[in-house]
Amino acid sequence: MFIGGSTGSLQGIIEHFMEYGTEGAILVINCITLETQAKSMEILKQKGFVDIEVVQIQVSRGKQVGPYTMMYGENPICIIKVVKRK
């Protein structure tokens, strides 16, 4: 299951995953705000997940500046992954 935006329903979406996801099912949550990242971690820990993988990535785009290419950083994205166990 992939969560790319929860519109405030993060708790319910994770509970849906817990109820209907089979053993070995993977949940991936993309977070663009610190609040969503913190809330996701809080809920996942409350639900008993211990093997929580967290990765932060950032993309940069090249922009022409005279004869040079300058890299401009975009906002980082946090990716959280858990696997449902028994």
PDB file of N, CA and C in Angstrom:
ATOM      1  N   MET A   1       0.857  -1.164   0.000  1.00  0.00           N
ATOM      2  CA  MET A   1       0.000   0.000   0.000  1.00  0.00           C
ATOM      3  C   MET A   1       0.900   1.223   0.000  1.00  0.00           C
ATOM      4  N   PHE A   2       0.526   2.216  -0.777  1.00  0.00           N
ATOM      5  CA  PHE A   2       1.322   3.431  -0.922  1.00  0.00           C
ATOM      6  C   PHE A   2       0.492   4.637  -0.505  1.00  0.00           C
ATOM      7  N   ILE A   3       1.046   5.419   0.423  1.00  0.00           N
ATOM      8  CA  ILE A   3       0.382   6.651   0.846  1.00  0.00           C
ATOM      9  C   ILE A   3       1.208   7.818   0.318  1.00  0.00           C
ATOM     10  N   GLY A   4       0.633   8.563  -0.607  1.00  0.00           N
ATOM     11  CA  GLY A   4       1.324   9.711  -1.172  1.00  0.00           C
ATOM     12  C   GLY A   4       0.727  11.020  -0.686  1.00  0.00           C
ATOM     13  N   GLY A   5      -0.337  10.916   0.066  1.00  0.00           N
ATOM     14  CA  GLY A   5      -1.028  12.069   0.640  1.00  0.00           C
ATOM     15  C   GLY A   5      -2.220  11.540   1.417  1.00  0.00           C
ATOM     16  N   SER A   6      -2.391  12.004   2.626  1.00  0.00           N
ATOM     17  CA  SER A   6      -3.437  11.431   3.485  1.00  0.00           C
ATOM     18  C   SER A   6      -4.613  12.377   3.690  1.00  0.00           C
ATOM     19  N   THR A   7      -4.464  13.625   3.306  1.00  0.00           N
ATOM     20  CA  THR A   7      -5.473  14.668   3.564  1.00  0.00           C
ATOM     21  C   THR A   7      -6.051  14.581   4.979  1.00  0.00           C
ATOM     22  N   GLY A   8      -5.164  14.336   5.949  1.00  0.00           N
ATOM     23  CA  GLY A   8      -5.576  14.305   7.347  1.00  0.00           C
ATOM     24  C   GLY A   8      -6.116  12.982   7.841  1.00  0.00           C
ATOM     25  N   SER A   9      -6.091  11.946   7.003  1.00  0.00           N
ATOM     26  CA  SER A   9      -6.663  10.643   7.385  1.00  0.00           C
ATOM     27  C   SER A   9      -5.597   9.581   7.626  1.00  0.00           C
ATOM     28  N   LEU A  10      -4.410  10.001   8.037  1.00  0.00           N
ATOM     29  CA  LEU A  10      -3.287   9.077   8.188  1.00  0.00           C
ATOM     30  C   LEU A  10      -3.601   7.922   9.135  1.00  0.00           C
ATOM     31  N   GLN A  11      -4.161   8.231  10.294  1.00  0.00           N
ATOM     32  CA  GLN A  11      -4.499   7.200  11.286  1.00  0.00           C
ATOM     33  C   GLN A  11      -5.424   6.150  10.666  1.00  0.00           C
ATOM     34  N   GLY A  12      -6.480   6.584  10.003  1.00  0.00           N
ATOM     35  CA  GLY A  12      -7.441   5.665   9.397  1.00  0.00           C
ATOM     36  C   GLY A  12      -6.841   4.825   8.288  1.00  0.00           C
ATOM     37  N   ILE A  13      -5.956   5.422   7.496  1.00  0.00           N
ATOM     38  CA  ILE A  13      -5.315   4.680   6.406  1.00  0.00           C
ATOM     39  C   ILE A  13      -4.417   3.586   6.967  1.00  0.00           C
ATOM     40  N   ILE A  14      -3.643   3.912   8.000  1.00  0.00           N
ATOM     41  CA  ILE A  14      -2.763   2.909   8.612  1.00  0.00           C
ATOM     42  C   ILE A  14      -3.595   1.814   9.271  1.00  0.00           C
ATOM     43  N   GLU A  15      -4.687   2.175   9.918  1.00  0.00           N
ATOM     44  CA  GLU A  15      -5.571   1.162  10.517  1.00  0.00           C
ATOM     45  C   GLU A  15      -6.171   0.255   9.445  1.00  0.00           C
ATOM     46  N   HIS A  16      -6.516   0.809   8.296  1.00  0.00           N
ATOM     47  CA  HIS A  16      -7.027   0.013   7.170  1.00  0.00           C
ATOM     48  C   HIS A  16      -5.961  -0.994   6.721  1.00  0.00           C
ATOM     49  N   PHE A  17      -4.716  -0.538   6.623  1.00  0.00           N
ATOM     50  CA  PHE A  17      -3.604  -1.424   6.263  1.00  0.00           C
ATOM     51  C   PHE A  17      -3.460  -2.543   7.292  1.00  0.00           C
ATOM     52  N   MET A  18      -3.546  -2.190   8.574  1.00  0.00           N
ATOM     53  CA  MET A  18      -3.402  -3.188   9.636  1.00  0.00           C
ATOM     54  C   MET A  18      -4.512  -4.234   9.552  1.00  0.00           C
ATOM     55  N   GLU A  19      -5.717  -3.812   9.215  1.00  0.00           N
ATOM     56  CA  GLU A  19      -6.854  -4.726   9.173  1.00  0.00           C
ATOM     57  C   GLU A  19      -6.855  -5.597   7.918  1.00  0.00           C
ATOM     58  N   TYR A  20      -6.551  -5.019   6.778  1.00  0.00           N
ATOM     59  CA  TYR A  20      -6.724  -5.734   5.515  1.00  0.00           C
ATOM     60  C   TYR A  20      -5.422  -6.202   4.858  1.00  0.00           C
ATOM     61  N   GLY A  21      -4.291  -5.655   5.277  1.00  0.00           N
ATOM     62  CA  GLY A  21      -3.019  -6.091   4.702  1.00  0.00           C
ATOM     63  C   GLY A  21      -2.664  -7.490   5.183  1.00  0.00           C
ATOM     64  N   THR A  22      -2.198  -8.324   4.263  1.00  0.00           N
ATOM     65  CA  THR A  22      -1.792  -9.677   4.633  1.00  0.00           C
ATOM     66  C   THR A  22      -0.376  -9.650   5.196  1.00  0.00           C
ATOM     67  N   GLU A  23       0.017 -10.738   5.832  1.00  0.00           N
ATOM     68  CA  GLU A  23       1.374 -10.826   6.366  1.00  0.00           C
ATOM     69  C   GLU A  23       2.369 -10.649   5.222  1.00  0.00           C
ATOM     70  N   GLY A  24       3.359  -9.815   5.434  1.00  0.00           N
ATOM     71  CA  GLY A  24       4.350  -9.523   4.405  1.00  0.00           C
ATOM     72  C   GLY A  24       3.984  -8.330   3.533  1.00  0.00           C
ATOM     73  N   ALA A  25       2.775  -7.783   3.726  1.00  0.00           N
ATOM     74  CA  ALA A  25       2.362  -6.600   2.954  1.00  0.00           C
ATOM     75  C   ALA A  25       3.252  -5.417   3.329  1.00  0.00           C
ATOM     76  N   ILE A  26       3.521  -4.581   2.359  1.00  0.00           N
ATOM     77  CA  ILE A  26       4.407  -3.428   2.554  1.00  0.00           C
ATOM     78  C   ILE A  26       3.590  -2.141   2.518  1.00  0.00           C
ATOM     79  N   LEU A  27       3.872  -1.268   3.476  1.00  0.00           N
ATOM     80  CA  LEU A  27       3.258   0.053   3.523  1.00  0.00           C
ATOM     81  C   LEU A  27       4.360   1.086   3.312  1.00  0.00           C
ATOM     82  N   VAL A  28       4.161   1.983   2.359  1.00  0.00           N
ATOM     83  CA  VAL A  28       5.119   3.051   2.081  1.00  0.00           C
ATOM     84  C   VAL A  28       4.395   4.384   2.235  1.00  0.00           C
ATOM     85  N   ILE A  29       4.993   5.275   3.011  1.00  0.00           N
ATOM     86  CA  ILE A  29       4.404   6.594   3.251  1.00  0.00           C
ATOM     87  C   ILE A  29       5.401   7.658   2.800  1.00  0.00           C
ATOM     88  N   ASN A  30       4.986   8.527   1.893  1.00  0.00           N
ATOM     89  CA  ASN A  30       5.800   9.673   1.493  1.00  0.00           C
ATOM     90  C   ASN A  30       5.375  10.875   2.315  1.00  0.00           C
ATOM     91  N   CYS A  31       6.343  11.562   2.907  1.00  0.00           N
ATOM     92  CA  CYS A  31       6.048  12.725   3.748  1.00  0.00           C
ATOM     93  C   CYS A  31       6.810  13.932   3.217  1.00  0.00           C
ATOM     94  N   ILE A  32       6.092  15.035   3.019  1.00  0.00           N
ATOM     95  CA  ILE A  32       6.782  16.254   2.608  1.00  0.00           C
ATOM     96  C   ILE A  32       6.860  17.270   3.747  1.00  0.00           C
ATOM     97  N   THR A  33       6.154  16.993   4.857  1.00  0.00           N
ATOM     98  CA  THR A  33       6.234  17.894   6.010  1.00  0.00           C
ATOM     99  C   THR A  33       6.770  17.135   7.224  1.00  0.00           C
ATOM    100  N   LEU A  34       7.393  17.874   8.123  1.00  0.00           N
ATOM    101  CA  LEU A  34       7.907  17.276   9.360  1.00  0.00           C
ATOM    102  C   LEU A  34       6.771  16.733  10.217  1.00  0.00           C
ATOM    103  N   GLU A  35       5.626  17.406  10.175  1.00  0.00           N
ATOM    104  CA  GLU A  35       4.487  16.981  10.983  1.00  0.00           C
ATOM    105  C   GLU A  35       3.963  15.621  10.524  1.00  0.00           C
ATOM    106  N   THR A  36       3.878  15.424   9.216  1.00  0.00           N
ATOM    107  CA  THR A  36       3.422  14.129   8.701  1.00  0.00           C
ATOM    108  C   THR A  36       4.424  13.034   9.035  1.00  0.00           C
ATOM    109  N   GLN A  37       5.700  13.350   8.932  1.00  0.00           N
ATOM    110  CA  GLN A  37       6.736  12.375   9.276  1.00  0.00           C
ATOM    111  C   GLN A  37       6.629  11.985  10.747  1.00  0.00           C
ATOM    112  N   ALA A  38       6.516  12.967  11.627  1.00  0.00           N
ATOM    113  CA  ALA A  38       6.425  12.694  13.066  1.00  0.00           C
ATOM    114  C   ALA A  38       5.160  11.908  13.391  1.00  0.00           C
ATOM    115  N   LYS A  39       4.028  12.305  12.809  1.00  0.00           N
ATOM    116  CA  LYS A  39       2.759  11.621  13.073  1.00  0.00           C
ATOM    117  C   LYS A  39       2.812  10.188  12.563  1.00  0.00           C
ATOM    118  N   SER A  40       3.391   9.970  11.387  1.00  0.00           N
ATOM    119  CA  SER A  40       3.520   8.619  10.830  1.00  0.00           C
ATOM    120  C   SER A  40       4.337   7.730  11.759  1.00  0.00           C
ATOM    121  N   MET A  41       5.478   8.239  12.206  1.00  0.00           N
ATOM    122  CA  MET A  41       6.338   7.460  13.099  1.00  0.00           C
ATOM    123  C   MET A  41       5.611   7.149  14.404  1.00  0.00           C
ATOM    124  N   GLU A  42       4.912   8.125  14.948  1.00  0.00           N
ATOM    125  CA  GLU A  42       4.168   7.941  16.199  1.00  0.00           C
ATOM    126  C   GLU A  42       3.112   6.840  16.044  1.00  0.00           C
ATOM    127  N   ILE A  43       2.318   6.914  14.986  1.00  0.00           N
ATOM    128  CA  ILE A  43       1.250   5.931  14.777  1.00  0.00           C
ATOM    129  C   ILE A  43       1.836   4.541  14.545  1.00  0.00           C
ATOM    130  N   LEU A  44       2.871   4.446  13.708  1.00  0.00           N
ATOM    131  CA  LEU A  44       3.468   3.140  13.405  1.00  0.00           C
ATOM    132  C   LEU A  44       4.040   2.489  14.664  1.00  0.00           C
ATOM    133  N   LYS A  45       4.686   3.277  15.520  1.00  0.00           N
ATOM    134  CA  LYS A  45       5.224   2.731  16.773  1.00  0.00           C
ATOM    135  C   LYS A  45       4.093   2.288  17.699  1.00  0.00           C
ATOM    136  N   GLN A  46       3.009   3.073  17.755  1.00  0.00           N
ATOM    137  CA  GLN A  46       1.848   2.691  18.571  1.00  0.00           C
ATOM    138  C   GLN A  46       1.243   1.381  18.086  1.00  0.00           C
ATOM    139  N   LYS A  47       1.306   1.147  16.782  1.00  0.00           N
ATOM    140  CA  LYS A  47       0.742  -0.074  16.193  1.00  0.00           C
ATOM    141  C   LYS A  47       1.688  -1.263  16.325  1.00  0.00           C
ATOM    142  N   GLY A  48       2.853  -1.055  16.922  1.00  0.00           N
ATOM    143  CA  GLY A  48       3.759  -2.161  17.202  1.00  0.00           C
ATOM    144  C   GLY A  48       4.833  -2.416  16.162  1.00  0.00           C
ATOM    145  N   PHE A  49       4.959  -1.553  15.171  1.00  0.00           N
ATOM    146  CA  PHE A  49       6.031  -1.733  14.191  1.00  0.00           C
ATOM    147  C   PHE A  49       7.363  -1.387  14.841  1.00  0.00           C
ATOM    148  N   VAL A  50       8.356  -2.243  14.653  1.00  0.00           N
ATOM    149  CA  VAL A  50       9.676  -1.994  15.223  1.00  0.00           C
ATOM    150  C   VAL A  50      10.733  -1.833  14.133  1.00  0.00           C
ATOM    151  N   ASP A  51      10.534  -2.455  13.001  1.00  0.00           N
ATOM    152  CA  ASP A  51      11.469  -2.384  11.879  1.00  0.00           C
ATOM    153  C   ASP A  51      10.999  -1.310  10.904  1.00  0.00           C
ATOM    154  N   ILE A  52      11.140  -0.066  11.291  1.00  0.00           N
ATOM    155  CA  ILE A  52      10.661   1.046  10.467  1.00  0.00           C
ATOM    156  C   ILE A  52      11.851   1.607   9.689  1.00  0.00           C
ATOM    157  N   GLU A  53      11.761   1.527   8.361  1.00  0.00           N
ATOM    158  CA  GLU A  53      12.835   2.049   7.512  1.00  0.00           C
ATOM    159  C   GLU A  53      12.477   3.475   7.099  1.00  0.00           C
ATOM    160  N   VAL A  54      13.401   4.399   7.345  1.00  0.00           N
ATOM    161  CA  VAL A  54      13.174   5.802   7.006  1.00  0.00           C
ATOM    162  C   VAL A  54      14.306   6.271   6.099  1.00  0.00           C
ATOM    163  N   VAL A  55      13.929   6.848   4.956  1.00  0.00           N
ATOM    164  CA  VAL A  55      14.899   7.367   3.999  1.00  0.00           C
ATOM    165  C   VAL A  55      14.492   8.790   3.654  1.00  0.00           C
ATOM    166  N   GLN A  56      15.470   9.689   3.605  1.00  0.00           N
ATOM    167  CA  GLN A  56      15.178  11.048   3.160  1.00  0.00           C
ATOM    168  C   GLN A  56      15.930  11.289   1.862  1.00  0.00           C
ATOM    169  N   ILE A  57      15.222  11.766   0.846  1.00  0.00           N
ATOM    170  CA  ILE A  57      15.859  12.046  -0.438  1.00  0.00           C
ATOM    171  C   ILE A  57      15.626  13.505  -0.807  1.00  0.00           C
ATOM    172  N   GLN A  58      16.514  14.008  -1.636  1.00  0.00           N
ATOM    173  CA  GLN A  58      16.357  15.370  -2.128  1.00  0.00           C
ATOM    174  C   GLN A  58      16.795  15.397  -3.577  1.00  0.00           C
ATOM    175  N   VAL A  59      16.035  16.077  -4.386  1.00  0.00           N
ATOM    176  CA  VAL A  59      16.325  16.207  -5.808  1.00  0.00           C
ATOM    177  C   VAL A  59      16.827  17.619  -6.069  1.00  0.00           C
ATOM    178  N   SER A  60      17.806  17.734  -6.939  1.00  0.00           N
ATOM    179  CA  SER A  60      18.281  19.042  -7.377  1.00  0.00           C
ATOM    180  C   SER A  60      18.079  19.152  -8.879  1.00  0.00           C
ATOM    181  N   ARG A  61      17.758  20.346  -9.321  1.00  0.00           N
ATOM    182  CA  ARG A  61      17.553  20.596 -10.752  1.00  0.00           C
ATOM    183  C   ARG A  61      18.633  21.557 -11.245  1.00  0.00           C
ATOM    184  N   GLY A  62      19.163  21.241 -12.421  1.00  0.00           N
ATOM    185  CA  GLY A  62      20.170  22.111 -13.019  1.00  0.00           C
ATOM    186  C   GLY A  62      19.525  23.301 -13.707  1.00  0.00           C
ATOM    187  N   LYS A  63      20.116  24.484 -13.490  1.00  0.00           N
ATOM    188  CA  LYS A  63      19.621  25.700 -14.128  1.00  0.00           C
ATOM    189  C   LYS A  63      20.810  26.421 -14.757  1.00  0.00           C
ATOM    190  N   GLN A  64      20.625  26.851 -15.980  1.00  0.00           N
ATOM    191  CA  GLN A  64      21.696  27.529 -16.692  1.00  0.00           C
ATOM    192  C   GLN A  64      21.956  28.898 -16.070  1.00  0.00           C
ATOM    193  N   VAL A  65      23.202  29.152 -15.698  1.00  0.00           N
ATOM    194  CA  VAL A  65      23.634  30.439 -15.161  1.00  0.00           C
ATOM    195  C   VAL A  65      24.835  30.861 -16.000  1.00  0.00           C
ATOM    196  N   GLY A  66      24.577  31.693 -16.978  1.00  0.00           N
ATOM    197  CA  GLY A  66      25.640  32.050 -17.924  1.00  0.00           C
ATOM    198  C   GLY A  66      26.106  30.789 -18.633  1.00  0.00           C
ATOM    199  N   PRO A  67      27.408  30.564 -18.688  1.00  0.00           N
ATOM    200  CA  PRO A  67      27.917  29.362 -19.353  1.00  0.00           C
ATOM    201  C   PRO A  67      27.932  28.127 -18.433  1.00  0.00           C
ATOM    202  N   TYR A  68      27.441  28.272 -17.218  1.00  0.00           N
ATOM    203  CA  TYR A  68      27.512  27.203 -16.225  1.00  0.00           C
ATOM    204  C   TYR A  68      26.130  26.618 -15.929  1.00  0.00           C
ATOM    205  N   THR A  69      26.149  25.441 -15.338  1.00  0.00           N
ATOM    206  CA  THR A  69      24.916  24.824 -14.849  1.00  0.00           C
ATOM    207  C   THR A  69      25.003  24.783 -13.331  1.00  0.00           C
ATOM    208  N   MET A  70      24.056  25.425 -12.684  1.00  0.00           N
ATOM    209  CA  MET A  70      24.034  25.468 -11.221  1.00  0.00           C
ATOM    210  C   MET A  70      22.901  24.582 -10.732  1.00  0.00           C
ATOM    211  N   MET A  71      23.185  23.785  -9.722  1.00  0.00           N
ATOM    212  CA  MET A  71      22.180  22.884  -9.166  1.00  0.00           C
ATOM    213  C   MET A  71      21.408  23.603  -8.059  1.00  0.00           C
ATOM    214  N   TYR A  72      20.075  23.559  -8.165  1.00  0.00           N
ATOM    215  CA  TYR A  72      19.188  24.140  -7.164  1.00  0.00           C
ATOM    216  C   TYR A  72      18.449  23.011  -6.456  1.00  0.00           C
ATOM    217  N   GLY A  73      18.574  22.971  -5.145  1.00  0.00           N
ATOM    218  CA  GLY A  73      17.949  21.907  -4.363  1.00  0.00           C
ATOM    219  C   GLY A  73      16.452  22.118  -4.194  1.00  0.00           C
ATOM    220  N   GLU A  74      15.711  21.045  -4.339  1.00  0.00           N
ATOM    221  CA  GLU A  74      14.275  21.044  -4.067  1.00  0.00           C
ATOM    222  C   GLU A  74      14.070  20.604  -2.614  1.00  0.00           C
ATOM    223  N   ASN A  75      12.845  20.659  -2.137  1.00  0.00           N
ATOM    224  CA  ASN A  75      12.556  20.244  -0.762  1.00  0.00           C
ATOM    225  C   ASN A  75      12.773  18.742  -0.598  1.00  0.00           C
ATOM    226  N   PRO A  76      13.299  18.317   0.549  1.00  0.00           N
ATOM    227  CA  PRO A  76      13.491  16.881   0.782  1.00  0.00           C
ATOM    228  C   PRO A  76      12.158  16.162   0.979  1.00  0.00           C
ATOM    229  N   ILE A  77      12.173  14.882   0.687  1.00  0.00           N
ATOM    230  CA  ILE A  77      11.008  14.018   0.881  1.00  0.00           C
ATOM    231  C   ILE A  77      11.436  12.868   1.784  1.00  0.00           C
ATOM    232  N   CYS A  78      10.627  12.569   2.773  1.00  0.00           N
ATOM    233  CA  CYS A  78      10.881  11.448   3.671  1.00  0.00           C
ATOM    234  C   CYS A  78      10.032  10.268   3.200  1.00  0.00           C
ATOM    235  N   ILE A  79      10.656   9.106   3.073  1.00  0.00           N
ATOM    236  CA  ILE A  79       9.953   7.888   2.678  1.00  0.00           C
ATOM    237  C   ILE A  79      10.053   6.905   3.838  1.00  0.00           C
ATOM    238  N   ILE A  80       8.909   6.465   4.336  1.00  0.00           N
ATOM    239  CA  ILE A  80       8.848   5.525   5.454  1.00  0.00           C
ATOM    240  C   ILE A  80       8.281   4.212   4.934  1.00  0.00           C
ATOM    241  N   LYS A  81       8.948   3.111   5.294  1.00  0.00           N
ATOM    242  CA  LYS A  81       8.502   1.787   4.834  1.00  0.00           C
ATOM    243  C   LYS A  81       8.422   0.832   6.021  1.00  0.00           C
ATOM    244  N   VAL A  82       7.313   0.081   6.079  1.00  0.00           N
ATOM    245  CA  VAL A  82       7.161  -0.977   7.078  1.00  0.00           C
ATOM    246  C   VAL A  82       6.591  -2.210   6.394  1.00  0.00           C
ATOM    247  N   VAL A  83       6.849  -3.359   6.999  1.00  0.00           N
ATOM    248  CA  VAL A  83       6.315  -4.633   6.515  1.00  0.00           C
ATOM    249  C   VAL A  83       5.437  -5.203   7.616  1.00  0.00           C
ATOM    250  N   LYS A  84       4.244  -5.641   7.244  1.00  0.00           N
ATOM    251  CA  LYS A  84       3.321  -6.204   8.234  1.00  0.00           C
ATOM    252  C   LYS A  84       3.784  -7.602   8.625  1.00  0.00           C
ATOM    253  N   ARG A  85       3.951  -7.805   9.901  1.00  0.00           N
ATOM    254  CA  ARG A  85       4.330  -9.110  10.462  1.00  0.00           C
ATOM    255  C   ARG A  85       3.180  -9.620  11.303  1.00  0.00           C
ATOM    256  N   LYS A  86       3.287 -10.859  11.749  1.00  0.00           N
ATOM    257  CA  LYS A  86       2.237 -11.449  12.604  1.00  0.00           C
ATOM    258  C   LYS A  86       2.022 -10.661  13.858  1.00  0.00           C
TER     259      LYS A  86
END
